[in-house]
Amino acid sequence: MRKDAKCAAGWLLAACLGLAGSVARGADEDSANWQAQCVIDGQPVTLDFRSVSGDAFEDDMAVQARRADGASQALPLPPGLYHATGLLGSPASACDPVPLLDMGNGLGLLLVVRDNRPGLPVVDALLLDLATLQVVDKRLGDPGAVEGLLKTASLVLRQSPPGVDLRLVREAVPGAECDCADAYAEDWLRFSVDQRKLRTNWLP
């Protein structure tokens, strides 16, 4: 699909869903290259989101974690258009404007929002070893599924000893006739860690 057609589709969806602010970030001239600033174990780390072509709407961003000494680590995320989407809730994040949450035992949960125009965005989750910045496990959003889509402009999060809960679409509302956010029902999806593996389950 041509990038101008993708842009138009994205804006139409944003108007319907009330996510114009999120999609607007993809239309900024600087959105092909943006950064999140982090402090991990007292040391600065930069997450570098960069379009290979220089055009964000080519959906070809690659992501690297880079330390102050120049050492870098590519993050295993699919090429896409990634949005700077902050959190709404009480968890403390090591990064801004993307959430990196402490999961204990030297591990962190990184949540990034990937464009899925003309549909709702998806959320990719990476479990990082905070000492090495290596990804030890991941859960990637499925653009073709209803379950797991994001219909809010921020990541609505809460954290407790059992894990991190994120509000995501769980199902389509039966009989809903509008192509809008009200046609999707949200629920809490819990992210937890078991033996350095990322687990997810819907809360009852």
Protein backbone atom coordinates (compact mmCIF):
# COMPACT_ATOMS: atom_id res chain seq x y z
CA MET A 1 0.00 0.00 0.00
CA ARG A 2 1.26 3.50 -0.82
CA LYS A 3 2.36 5.48 2.19
CA ASP A 4 -0.14 8.31 1.50
CA ALA A 5 -2.98 5.76 1.49
CA LYS A 6 -1.70 4.29 4.74
CA CYS A 7 -1.54 7.78 6.28
CA ALA A 8 -5.13 8.51 5.30
CA ALA A 9 -6.34 5.19 6.68
CA GLY A 10 -4.50 5.79 9.93
CA TRP A 11 -6.02 9.24 10.40
CA LEU A 12 -9.54 7.98 9.68
CA LEU A 13 -9.14 5.26 12.30
CA ALA A 14 -7.73 7.78 14.77
CA ALA A 15 -10.74 10.01 14.40
CA CYS A 16 -13.03 7.05 15.10
CA LEU A 17 -11.05 5.76 18.08
CA GLY A 18 -10.00 9.02 19.66
CA LEU A 19 -6.33 8.16 19.10
CA ALA A 20 -5.43 11.11 16.91
CA GLY A 21 -2.61 12.08 19.25
CA SER A 22 -1.01 8.67 18.90
CA VAL A 23 -1.22 8.59 15.13
CA ALA A 24 -0.05 12.21 14.93
CA ARG A 25 3.31 11.10 16.29
CA GLY A 26 3.68 8.96 13.18
CA ALA A 27 3.03 11.99 10.98
CA ASP A 28 5.68 14.22 12.54
CA GLU A 29 8.66 14.83 10.28
CA ASP A 30 11.02 13.57 13.00
CA SER A 31 9.07 10.39 13.72
CA ALA A 32 11.26 8.29 11.44
CA ASN A 33 13.94 8.57 14.12
CA TRP A 34 13.17 9.00 17.80
CA GLN A 35 14.63 7.94 21.12
CA ALA A 36 13.57 6.86 24.57
CA GLN A 37 15.88 7.78 27.44
CA CYS A 38 16.41 5.27 30.24
CA VAL A 39 18.28 4.93 33.50
CA ILE A 40 19.11 1.29 34.25
CA ASP A 41 21.08 0.45 37.39
CA GLY A 42 22.05 4.11 37.59
CA GLN A 43 23.48 4.15 34.05
CA PRO A 44 22.01 5.99 31.04
CA VAL A 45 20.69 3.86 28.21
CA THR A 46 19.10 5.08 24.98
CA LEU A 47 16.51 3.14 22.99
CA ASP A 48 16.94 4.21 19.39
CA PHE A 49 13.93 3.82 17.07
CA ARG A 50 15.12 4.42 13.52
CA SER A 51 13.53 3.96 10.10
CA VAL A 52 15.91 2.23 7.69
CA SER A 53 14.54 4.23 4.75
CA GLY A 54 14.13 7.50 6.64
CA ASP A 55 10.37 7.35 6.05
CA ALA A 56 8.42 6.13 9.07
CA PHE A 57 5.42 5.13 6.95
CA GLU A 58 7.50 2.48 5.20
CA ASP A 59 7.06 0.46 8.43
CA ASP A 60 10.75 -0.37 8.58
CA MET A 61 11.90 0.87 11.99
CA ALA A 62 14.66 -1.05 13.74
CA VAL A 63 15.28 -0.68 17.48
CA GLN A 64 18.59 -0.68 19.33
CA ALA A 65 19.53 -0.26 22.99
CA ARG A 66 22.67 1.82 23.33
CA ARG A 67 24.81 2.51 26.39
CA ALA A 68 26.73 5.71 27.07
CA ASP A 69 30.01 4.00 26.11
CA GLY A 70 28.63 3.31 22.62
CA ALA A 71 27.96 -0.40 23.11
CA SER A 72 24.68 -1.32 21.42
CA GLN A 73 22.30 -4.25 21.29
CA ALA A 74 19.72 -4.76 18.54
CA LEU A 75 16.28 -5.64 19.92
CA PRO A 76 14.45 -8.51 18.17
CA LEU A 77 11.36 -6.57 17.10
CA PRO A 78 9.71 -6.87 13.69
CA PRO A 79 10.12 -3.94 11.29
CA GLY A 80 7.27 -1.50 11.81
CA LEU A 81 6.16 1.99 12.73
CA TYR A 82 6.62 2.33 16.49
CA HIS A 83 4.90 5.04 18.53
CA ALA A 84 6.18 6.72 21.66
CA THR A 85 3.36 5.73 24.01
CA GLY A 86 3.67 6.46 27.70
CA LEU A 87 2.02 4.66 30.58
CA LEU A 88 -1.05 5.62 32.55
CA GLY A 89 -0.91 4.20 36.05
CA SER A 90 1.35 3.88 39.07
CA PRO A 91 4.25 1.63 37.94
CA ALA A 92 7.66 3.29 37.89
CA SER A 93 9.31 3.15 34.47
CA ALA A 94 13.05 3.16 33.84
CA CYS A 95 12.46 4.71 30.39
CA ASP A 96 10.55 7.62 28.91
CA PRO A 97 8.44 7.75 26.75
CA VAL A 98 8.11 3.95 26.66
CA PRO A 99 7.54 1.75 29.73
CA LEU A 100 10.37 -0.42 31.06
CA LEU A 101 9.20 -2.03 34.30
CA ASP A 102 11.23 -3.86 36.92
CA MET A 103 10.18 -7.53 37.07
CA GLY A 104 12.72 -8.52 39.73
CA ASN A 105 15.81 -10.74 39.55
CA GLY A 106 17.56 -8.36 37.18
CA LEU A 107 14.81 -8.50 34.54
CA GLY A 108 12.74 -5.73 32.98
CA LEU A 109 9.56 -5.71 30.89
CA LEU A 110 9.71 -3.38 27.88
CA LEU A 111 6.38 -2.57 26.20
CA VAL A 112 6.32 -0.91 22.78
CA VAL A 113 3.36 0.04 20.60
CA ARG A 114 3.47 -0.96 16.93
CA ASP A 115 1.23 0.61 14.31
CA ASN A 116 -1.30 -1.70 12.69
CA ARG A 117 -3.17 0.72 10.44
CA PRO A 118 -5.89 0.72 9.41
CA GLY A 119 -6.60 -1.45 12.48
CA LEU A 120 -5.87 -0.92 16.15
CA PRO A 121 -2.22 -0.91 17.30
CA VAL A 122 -0.54 -3.95 18.82
CA VAL A 123 1.78 -4.15 21.82
CA ASP A 124 5.09 -5.99 21.71
CA ALA A 125 6.58 -7.14 25.02
CA LEU A 126 10.27 -7.89 25.57
CA LEU A 127 11.77 -9.38 28.72
CA LEU A 128 15.25 -7.86 29.10
CA ASP A 129 18.23 -8.90 31.14
CA LEU A 130 18.98 -5.45 32.56
CA ALA A 131 22.68 -6.16 33.04
CA THR A 132 23.35 -7.17 29.42
CA LEU A 133 20.30 -5.67 27.62
CA GLN A 134 19.83 -9.09 26.02
CA VAL A 135 16.25 -10.18 25.33
CA VAL A 136 15.59 -13.41 27.20
CA ASP A 137 11.96 -13.81 26.07
CA LYS A 138 9.30 -11.94 24.13
CA ARG A 139 5.60 -11.82 23.27
CA LEU A 140 4.81 -10.06 20.00
CA GLY A 141 1.38 -8.66 19.22
CA ASP A 142 -0.59 -10.35 16.44
CA PRO A 143 -1.86 -7.74 13.94
CA GLY A 144 -4.36 -10.26 12.53
CA ALA A 145 -6.05 -11.02 15.84
CA VAL A 146 -8.66 -9.10 17.83
CA GLU A 147 -7.31 -10.33 21.16
CA GLY A 148 -4.46 -8.17 22.42
CA LEU A 149 -5.10 -4.99 20.42
CA LEU A 150 -4.71 -1.57 22.04
CA LYS A 151 -7.62 0.86 21.93
CA THR A 152 -6.36 3.55 24.33
CA ALA A 153 -3.92 6.39 23.64
CA SER A 154 -1.77 5.37 26.62
CA LEU A 155 -0.70 2.03 28.06
CA VAL A 156 -2.97 1.57 31.08
CA LEU A 157 -0.89 -0.40 33.57
CA ARG A 158 -0.85 -1.60 37.14
CA GLN A 159 1.86 -3.57 38.91
CA SER A 160 1.76 -5.92 41.89
CA PRO A 161 3.99 -8.73 43.21
CA PRO A 162 2.39 -11.30 40.83
CA GLY A 163 3.19 -9.23 37.74
CA VAL A 164 2.24 -6.35 35.45
CA ASP A 165 -1.34 -5.97 34.21
CA LEU A 166 -2.10 -4.18 30.93
CA ARG A 167 -5.51 -3.19 29.57
CA LEU A 168 -5.94 -4.68 26.10
CA VAL A 169 -8.78 -5.76 23.86
CA ARG A 170 -9.95 -9.23 24.77
CA GLU A 171 -12.83 -9.71 22.34
CA ALA A 172 -15.14 -8.05 19.89
CA VAL A 173 -18.53 -7.09 21.30
CA PRO A 174 -21.11 -9.52 19.85
CA GLY A 175 -23.55 -7.72 17.58
CA ALA A 176 -21.66 -4.43 17.57
CA GLU A 177 -22.29 -2.67 14.29
CA CYS A 178 -19.79 0.20 14.46
CA ASP A 179 -16.19 0.11 13.29
CA CYS A 180 -15.03 1.93 16.41
CA ALA A 181 -13.47 1.43 19.83
CA ASP A 182 -16.84 0.69 21.44
CA ALA A 183 -17.02 -2.49 19.37
CA TYR A 184 -14.16 -4.00 21.40
CA ALA A 185 -14.19 -5.10 25.05
CA GLU A 186 -11.05 -4.67 27.16
CA ASP A 187 -9.70 -6.72 30.02
CA TRP A 188 -6.51 -7.06 32.08
CA LEU A 189 -3.73 -9.14 30.55
CA ARG A 190 -1.13 -10.12 33.16
CA PHE A 191 2.58 -10.41 32.34
CA SER A 192 4.58 -12.48 34.82
CA VAL A 193 7.96 -14.20 34.89
CA ASP A 194 8.63 -17.84 35.65
CA GLN A 195 12.22 -19.12 35.41
CA ARG A 196 13.18 -16.24 33.10
CA LYS A 197 10.26 -16.96 30.81
CA LEU A 198 7.53 -14.42 30.10
CA ARG A 199 4.04 -15.69 30.86
CA THR A 200 0.73 -14.05 29.95
CA ASN A 201 -2.80 -14.81 31.11
CA TRP A 202 -6.11 -12.98 31.11
CA LEU A 203 -7.44 -12.17 34.55
CA PRO A 204 -10.93 -13.45 35.40
